[in-house]
Amino acid sequence: RLLMTVIDTCNKKKGKLIIPSFAIGRAQEIIYSL
């Protein structure tokens, strides 16, 4: 679902994907997934 959100936003809409995230734990999970 993260991948599809990146594709839909950045490839299709040519826009910015903003991910508000807690700096400890959550952010590292997102970075690792990417």
All heavy atoms as atom14 arrays in JSON, in Angstrom:
{
  "sequence": "RLLMTVIDTCNKKKGKLIIPSFAIGRAQEIIYSL",
  "atom14_mask": [
    [1, 1, 1, 1, 1, 1, 1, 1, 1, 1, 1, 0, 0, 0],
    [1, 1, 1, 1, 1, 1, 1, 1, 0, 0, 0, 0, 0, 0],
    [1, 1, 1, 1, 1, 1, 1, 1, 0, 0, 0, 0, 0, 0],
    [1, 1, 1, 1, 1, 1, 1, 1, 0, 0, 0, 0, 0, 0],
    [1, 1, 1, 1, 1, 1, 1, 0, 0, 0, 0, 0, 0, 0],
    [1, 1, 1, 1, 1, 1, 1, 0, 0, 0, 0, 0, 0, 0],
    [1, 1, 1, 1, 1, 1, 1, 1, 0, 0, 0, 0, 0, 0],
    [1, 1, 1, 1, 1, 1, 1, 1, 0, 0, 0, 0, 0, 0],
    [1, 1, 1, 1, 1, 1, 1, 0, 0, 0, 0, 0, 0, 0],
    [1, 1, 1, 1, 1, 1, 0, 0, 0, 0, 0, 0, 0, 0],
    [1, 1, 1, 1, 1, 1, 1, 1, 0, 0, 0, 0, 0, 0],
    [1, 1, 1, 1, 1, 1, 1, 1, 1, 0, 0, 0, 0, 0],
    [1, 1, 1, 1, 1, 1, 1, 1, 1, 0, 0, 0, 0, 0],
    [1, 1, 1, 1, 1, 1, 1, 1, 1, 0, 0, 0, 0, 0],
    [1, 1, 1, 1, 0, 0, 0, 0, 0, 0, 0, 0, 0, 0],
    [1, 1, 1, 1, 1, 1, 1, 1, 1, 0, 0, 0, 0, 0],
    [1, 1, 1, 1, 1, 1, 1, 1, 0, 0, 0, 0, 0, 0],
    [1, 1, 1, 1, 1, 1, 1, 1, 0, 0, 0, 0, 0, 0],
    [1, 1, 1, 1, 1, 1, 1, 1, 0, 0, 0, 0, 0, 0],
    [1, 1, 1, 1, 1, 1, 1, 0, 0, 0, 0, 0, 0, 0],
    [1, 1, 1, 1, 1, 1, 0, 0, 0, 0, 0, 0, 0, 0],
    [1, 1, 1, 1, 1, 1, 1, 1, 1, 1, 1, 0, 0, 0],
    [1, 1, 1, 1, 1, 0, 0, 0, 0, 0, 0, 0, 0, 0],
    [1, 1, 1, 1, 1, 1, 1, 1, 0, 0, 0, 0, 0, 0],
    [1, 1, 1, 1, 0, 0, 0, 0, 0, 0, 0, 0, 0, 0],
    [1, 1, 1, 1, 1, 1, 1, 1, 1, 1, 1, 0, 0, 0],
    [1, 1, 1, 1, 1, 0, 0, 0, 0, 0, 0, 0, 0, 0],
    [1, 1, 1, 1, 1, 1, 1, 1, 1, 0, 0, 0, 0, 0],
    [1, 1, 1, 1, 1, 1, 1, 1, 1, 0, 0, 0, 0, 0],
    [1, 1, 1, 1, 1, 1, 1, 1, 0, 0, 0, 0, 0, 0],
    [1, 1, 1, 1, 1, 1, 1, 1, 0, 0, 0, 0, 0, 0],
    [1, 1, 1, 1, 1, 1, 1, 1, 1, 1, 1, 1, 0, 0],
    [1, 1, 1, 1, 1, 1, 0, 0, 0, 0, 0, 0, 0, 0],
    [1, 1, 1, 1, 1, 1, 1, 1, 0, 0, 0, 0, 0, 0]
  ],
  "atom14_positions": [
    [[0.83, -1.21, 0.0], [0.0, 0.0, 0.0], [0.86, 1.26, 0.0], [0.53, 2.26, -0.63], [-0.93, -0.01, 1.21], [-2.03, -1.06, 1.12], [-3.0, -0.93, 2.27], [-3.64, 0.37, 2.27], [-4.34, 0.85, 3.29], [-4.46, 0.13, 4.4], [-4.92, 2.04, 3.23], [0.0, 0.0, 0.0], [0.0, 0.0, 0.0], [0.0, 0.0, 0.0]],
    [[1.98, 1.2, 0.7], [2.93, 2.32, 0.67], [3.46, 2.52, -0.74], [3.52, 3.65, -1.24], [4.07, 2.05, 1.65], [5.2, 3.09, 1.67], [4.69, 4.46, 2.1], [6.34, 2.63, 2.6], [0.0, 0.0, 0.0], [0.0, 0.0, 0.0], [0.0, 0.0, 0.0], [0.0, 0.0, 0.0], [0.0, 0.0, 0.0], [0.0, 0.0, 0.0]],
    [[3.83, 1.44, -1.39], [4.33, 1.51, -2.76], [3.29, 2.13, -3.69], [3.61, 3.02, -4.49], [4.72, 0.11, -3.26], [5.12, 0.0, -4.73], [6.33, 0.87, -5.05], [5.37, -1.46, -5.11], [0.0, 0.0, 0.0], [0.0, 0.0, 0.0], [0.0, 0.0, 0.0], [0.0, 0.0, 0.0], [0.0, 0.0, 0.0], [0.0, 0.0, 0.0]],
    [[2.04, 1.67, -3.59], [0.99, 2.19, -4.46], [0.74, 3.67, -4.2], [0.44, 4.44, -5.12], [-0.3, 1.38, -4.28], [-0.21, -0.06, -4.74], [0.48, -0.23, -6.41], [-0.7, 0.74, -7.37], [0.0, 0.0, 0.0], [0.0, 0.0, 0.0], [0.0, 0.0, 0.0], [0.0, 0.0, 0.0], [0.0, 0.0, 0.0], [0.0, 0.0, 0.0]],
    [[0.89, 4.09, -2.94], [0.7, 5.51, -2.62], [1.8, 6.35, -3.24], [1.54, 7.45, -3.76], [0.67, 5.72, -1.09], [-0.35, 4.89, -0.53], [0.39, 7.17, -0.74], [0.0, 0.0, 0.0], [0.0, 0.0, 0.0], [0.0, 0.0, 0.0], [0.0, 0.0, 0.0], [0.0, 0.0, 0.0], [0.0, 0.0, 0.0], [0.0, 0.0, 0.0]],
    [[3.03, 5.85, -3.22], [4.13, 6.55, -3.88], [3.89, 6.64, -5.38], [4.05, 7.7, -6.0], [5.48, 5.86, -3.59], [6.61, 6.55, -4.38], [5.8, 5.88, -2.1], [0.0, 0.0, 0.0], [0.0, 0.0, 0.0], [0.0, 0.0, 0.0], [0.0, 0.0, 0.0], [0.0, 0.0, 0.0], [0.0, 0.0, 0.0], [0.0, 0.0, 0.0]],
    [[3.49, 5.53, -6.0], [3.25, 5.5, -7.45], [2.11, 6.45, -7.82], [2.23, 7.26, -8.75], [2.93, 4.06, -7.9], [4.18, 3.17, -7.79], [2.4, 4.06, -9.34], [3.91, 1.7, -8.04], [0.0, 0.0, 0.0], [0.0, 0.0, 0.0], [0.0, 0.0, 0.0], [0.0, 0.0, 0.0], [0.0, 0.0, 0.0], [0.0, 0.0, 0.0]],
    [[1.0, 6.38, -7.08], [-0.16, 7.22, -7.4], [0.16, 8.7, -7.24], [-0.28, 9.54, -8.04], [-1.34, 6.86, -6.5], [-1.91, 5.49, -6.8], [-1.62, 4.96, -7.89], [-2.67, 4.95, -5.96], [0.0, 0.0, 0.0], [0.0, 0.0, 0.0], [0.0, 0.0, 0.0], [0.0, 0.0, 0.0], [0.0, 0.0, 0.0], [0.0, 0.0, 0.0]],
    [[0.93, 9.04, -6.23], [1.23, 10.46, -5.96], [2.35, 10.98, -6.84], [2.21, 12.03, -7.49], [1.63, 10.66, -4.48], [0.6, 10.14, -3.64], [1.86, 12.13, -4.18], [0.0, 0.0, 0.0], [0.0, 0.0, 0.0], [0.0, 0.0, 0.0], [0.0, 0.0, 0.0], [0.0, 0.0, 0.0], [0.0, 0.0, 0.0], [0.0, 0.0, 0.0]],
    [[3.46, 10.26, -6.87], [4.67, 10.77, -7.53], [4.7, 10.48, -9.03], [5.16, 11.33, -9.81], [5.91, 10.19, -6.86], [6.05, 10.62, -5.11], [0.0, 0.0, 0.0], [0.0, 0.0, 0.0], [0.0, 0.0, 0.0], [0.0, 0.0, 0.0], [0.0, 0.0, 0.0], [0.0, 0.0, 0.0], [0.0, 0.0, 0.0], [0.0, 0.0, 0.0]],
    [[4.21, 9.33, -9.45], [4.23, 8.98, -10.88], [3.0, 9.51, -11.61], [3.11, 10.1, -12.68], [4.32, 7.47, -11.07], [5.75, 6.97, -10.97], [6.62, 7.69, -10.49], [5.99, 5.74, -11.4], [0.0, 0.0, 0.0], [0.0, 0.0, 0.0], [0.0, 0.0, 0.0], [0.0, 0.0, 0.0], [0.0, 0.0, 0.0], [0.0, 0.0, 0.0]],
    [[1.83, 9.28, -11.01], [0.59, 9.63, -11.72], [0.21, 11.1, -11.54], [-0.09, 11.8, -12.51], [-0.55, 8.73, -11.25], [-0.33, 7.25, -11.6], [-1.49, 6.39, -11.13], [-1.26, 4.92, -11.49], [-2.36, 4.05, -10.99], [0.0, 0.0, 0.0], [0.0, 0.0, 0.0], [0.0, 0.0, 0.0], [0.0, 0.0, 0.0], [0.0, 0.0, 0.0]],
    [[0.23, 11.59, -10.29], [-0.17, 12.98, -10.05], [1.0, 13.95, -10.17], [0.79, 15.17, -10.2], [-0.8, 13.12, -8.66], [-2.14, 12.41, -8.5], [-2.88, 12.87, -7.25], [-2.13, 12.57, -5.98], [-2.88, 12.96, -4.76], [0.0, 0.0, 0.0], [0.0, 0.0, 0.0], [0.0, 0.0, 0.0], [0.0, 0.0, 0.0], [0.0, 0.0, 0.0]],
    [[2.23, 13.42, -10.15], [3.44, 14.26, -10.19], [3.48, 15.2, -8.99], [3.86, 16.37, -9.09], [3.53, 15.06, -11.49], [3.4, 14.24, -12.76], [4.54, 13.26, -12.9], [4.45, 12.48, -14.21], [5.48, 11.41, -14.3], [0.0, 0.0, 0.0], [0.0, 0.0, 0.0], [0.0, 0.0, 0.0], [0.0, 0.0, 0.0], [0.0, 0.0, 0.0]],
    [[3.06, 14.68, -7.82], [2.98, 15.53, -6.64], [3.9, 15.07, -5.53], [4.77, 14.2, -5.69], [0.0, 0.0, 0.0], [0.0, 0.0, 0.0], [0.0, 0.0, 0.0], [0.0, 0.0, 0.0], [0.0, 0.0, 0.0], [0.0, 0.0, 0.0], [0.0, 0.0, 0.0], [0.0, 0.0, 0.0], [0.0, 0.0, 0.0], [0.0, 0.0, 0.0]],
    [[3.7, 15.68, -4.36], [4.49, 15.36, -3.17], [3.69, 14.45, -2.24], [2.5, 14.69, -2.0], [4.86, 16.64, -2.42], [5.83, 17.56, -3.14], [6.15, 18.78, -2.29], [7.14, 19.71, -3.02], [7.43, 20.92, -2.21], [0.0, 0.0, 0.0], [0.0, 0.0, 0.0], [0.0, 0.0, 0.0], [0.0, 0.0, 0.0], [0.0, 0.0, 0.0]],
    [[4.35, 13.43, -1.74], [3.77, 12.56, -0.72], [4.35, 12.98, 0.62], [5.57, 12.86, 0.85], [4.1, 11.1, -1.0], [3.74, 10.08, 0.09], [2.26, 10.14, 0.45], [4.15, 8.67, -0.31], [0.0, 0.0, 0.0], [0.0, 0.0, 0.0], [0.0, 0.0, 0.0], [0.0, 0.0, 0.0], [0.0, 0.0, 0.0], [0.0, 0.0, 0.0]],
    [[3.5, 13.5, 1.51], [3.94, 13.94, 2.83], [3.5, 12.9, 3.86], [2.32, 12.57, 3.96], [3.34, 15.32, 3.18], [3.83, 16.37, 2.17], [3.73, 15.74, 4.6], [3.17, 17.73, 2.34], [0.0, 0.0, 0.0], [0.0, 0.0, 0.0], [0.0, 0.0, 0.0], [0.0, 0.0, 0.0], [0.0, 0.0, 0.0], [0.0, 0.0, 0.0]],
    [[4.49, 12.37, 4.59], [4.22, 11.34, 5.6], [4.58, 11.91, 6.97], [5.75, 11.93, 7.36], [5.02, 10.05, 5.33], [4.79, 9.55, 3.9], [4.63, 8.98, 6.35], [5.57, 8.3, 3.55], [0.0, 0.0, 0.0], [0.0, 0.0, 0.0], [0.0, 0.0, 0.0], [0.0, 0.0, 0.0], [0.0, 0.0, 0.0], [0.0, 0.0, 0.0]],
    [[3.59, 12.41, 7.72], [3.86, 12.86, 9.09], [4.17, 11.64, 9.95], [3.41, 10.66, 9.95], [2.55, 13.53, 9.53], [1.79, 13.77, 8.25], [2.19, 12.65, 7.34], [0.0, 0.0, 0.0], [0.0, 0.0, 0.0], [0.0, 0.0, 0.0], [0.0, 0.0, 0.0], [0.0, 0.0, 0.0], [0.0, 0.0, 0.0], [0.0, 0.0, 0.0]],
    [[5.27, 11.68, 10.67], [5.68, 10.48, 11.4], [6.4, 10.84, 12.68], [7.16, 11.81, 12.73], [6.61, 9.63, 10.52], [7.11, 8.52, 11.23], [0.0, 0.0, 0.0], [0.0, 0.0, 0.0], [0.0, 0.0, 0.0], [0.0, 0.0, 0.0], [0.0, 0.0, 0.0], [0.0, 0.0, 0.0], [0.0, 0.0, 0.0], [0.0, 0.0, 0.0]],
    [[6.17, 10.05, 13.71], [6.97, 10.2, 14.92], [8.43, 9.87, 14.57], [8.7, 8.93, 13.82], [6.46, 9.27, 16.02], [5.08, 9.64, 16.5], [3.99, 8.86, 16.17], [4.88, 10.78, 17.26], [2.72, 9.19, 16.6], [3.61, 11.13, 17.69], [2.52, 10.33, 17.36], [0.0, 0.0, 0.0], [0.0, 0.0, 0.0], [0.0, 0.0, 0.0]],
    [[9.34, 10.65, 15.13], [10.75, 10.54, 14.76], [11.4, 9.26, 15.26], [12.41, 8.82, 14.73], [11.52, 11.75, 15.29], [0.0, 0.0, 0.0], [0.0, 0.0, 0.0], [0.0, 0.0, 0.0], [0.0, 0.0, 0.0], [0.0, 0.0, 0.0], [0.0, 0.0, 0.0], [0.0, 0.0, 0.0], [0.0, 0.0, 0.0], [0.0, 0.0, 0.0]],
    [[10.8, 8.66, 16.29], [11.36, 7.45, 16.89], [10.46, 6.26, 16.58], [9.29, 6.25, 16.96], [11.49, 7.58, 18.42], [12.12, 8.91, 18.8], [12.27, 6.41, 18.98], [13.53, 9.11, 18.34], [0.0, 0.0, 0.0], [0.0, 0.0, 0.0], [0.0, 0.0, 0.0], [0.0, 0.0, 0.0], [0.0, 0.0, 0.0], [0.0, 0.0, 0.0]],
    [[10.98, 5.28, 15.87], [10.24, 4.06, 15.61], [9.48, 4.08, 14.3], [9.82, 3.35, 13.37], [0.0, 0.0, 0.0], [0.0, 0.0, 0.0], [0.0, 0.0, 0.0], [0.0, 0.0, 0.0], [0.0, 0.0, 0.0], [0.0, 0.0, 0.0], [0.0, 0.0, 0.0], [0.0, 0.0, 0.0], [0.0, 0.0, 0.0], [0.0, 0.0, 0.0]],
    [[8.47, 4.92, 14.21], [7.63, 4.96, 13.02], [8.42, 5.36, 11.79], [8.32, 4.75, 10.73], [6.47, 5.93, 13.24], [5.28, 5.75, 12.32], [4.48, 4.54, 12.74], [4.33, 4.5, 14.18], [3.44, 5.19, 14.88], [2.57, 5.96, 14.26], [3.36, 5.08, 16.19], [0.0, 0.0, 0.0], [0.0, 0.0, 0.0], [0.0, 0.0, 0.0]],
    [[9.22, 6.41, 11.92], [10.0, 6.9, 10.78], [10.96, 5.82, 10.28], [11.1, 5.62, 9.07], [10.77, 8.16, 11.17], [0.0, 0.0, 0.0], [0.0, 0.0, 0.0], [0.0, 0.0, 0.0], [0.0, 0.0, 0.0], [0.0, 0.0, 0.0], [0.0, 0.0, 0.0], [0.0, 0.0, 0.0], [0.0, 0.0, 0.0], [0.0, 0.0, 0.0]],
    [[11.59, 5.12, 11.21], [12.54, 4.07, 10.8], [11.83, 2.92, 10.09], [12.37, 2.32, 9.16], [13.32, 3.56, 12.01], [14.35, 4.53, 12.56], [13.74, 5.65, 13.37], [12.68, 5.48, 14.0], [14.39, 6.8, 13.39], [0.0, 0.0, 0.0], [0.0, 0.0, 0.0], [0.0, 0.0, 0.0], [0.0, 0.0, 0.0], [0.0, 0.0, 0.0]],
    [[10.59, 2.6, 10.52], [9.81, 1.57, 9.84], [9.54, 1.96, 8.39], [9.66, 1.14, 7.48], [8.48, 1.36, 10.58], [8.61, 0.65, 11.91], [8.39, -0.85, 11.79], [7.94, -1.3, 10.72], [8.69, -1.56, 12.76], [0.0, 0.0, 0.0], [0.0, 0.0, 0.0], [0.0, 0.0, 0.0], [0.0, 0.0, 0.0], [0.0, 0.0, 0.0]],
    [[9.16, 3.23, 8.18], [8.87, 3.71, 6.83], [10.14, 3.68, 5.98], [10.13, 3.23, 4.83], [8.3, 5.14, 6.88], [7.0, 5.18, 7.68], [8.07, 5.67, 5.46], [5.85, 4.44, 7.08], [0.0, 0.0, 0.0], [0.0, 0.0, 0.0], [0.0, 0.0, 0.0], [0.0, 0.0, 0.0], [0.0, 0.0, 0.0], [0.0, 0.0, 0.0]],
    [[11.25, 4.17, 6.55], [12.51, 4.21, 5.81], [12.95, 2.81, 5.43], [13.37, 2.55, 4.29], [13.6, 4.91, 6.66], [13.25, 6.39, 6.87], [14.98, 4.79, 5.99], [14.04, 7.04, 7.99], [0.0, 0.0, 0.0], [0.0, 0.0, 0.0], [0.0, 0.0, 0.0], [0.0, 0.0, 0.0], [0.0, 0.0, 0.0], [0.0, 0.0, 0.0]],
    [[12.83, 1.89, 6.37], [13.23, 0.5, 6.1], [12.36, -0.12, 5.0], [12.87, -0.82, 4.12], [13.13, -0.3, 7.4], [13.39, -1.78, 7.26], [14.51, -2.26, 6.61], [12.5, -2.71, 7.8], [14.76, -3.62, 6.5], [12.73, -4.07, 7.71], [13.86, -4.51, 7.05], [14.09, -5.87, 6.94], [0.0, 0.0, 0.0], [0.0, 0.0, 0.0]],
    [[11.06, 0.16, 5.04], [10.17, -0.37, 4.0], [10.54, 0.19, 2.62], [10.56, -0.54, 1.62], [8.71, -0.02, 4.33], [8.26, -0.74, 5.45], [0.0, 0.0, 0.0], [0.0, 0.0, 0.0], [0.0, 0.0, 0.0], [0.0, 0.0, 0.0], [0.0, 0.0, 0.0], [0.0, 0.0, 0.0], [0.0, 0.0, 0.0], [0.0, 0.0, 0.0]],
    [[10.83, 1.48, 2.57], [11.25, 2.08, 1.3], [12.58, 1.49, 0.83], [12.79, 1.26, -0.37], [11.37, 3.6, 1.45], [10.05, 4.35, 1.69], [10.32, 5.81, 2.03], [9.14, 4.25, 0.46], [0.0, 0.0, 0.0], [0.0, 0.0, 0.0], [0.0, 0.0, 0.0], [0.0, 0.0, 0.0], [0.0, 0.0, 0.0], [0.0, 0.0, 0.0]]
  ]
}
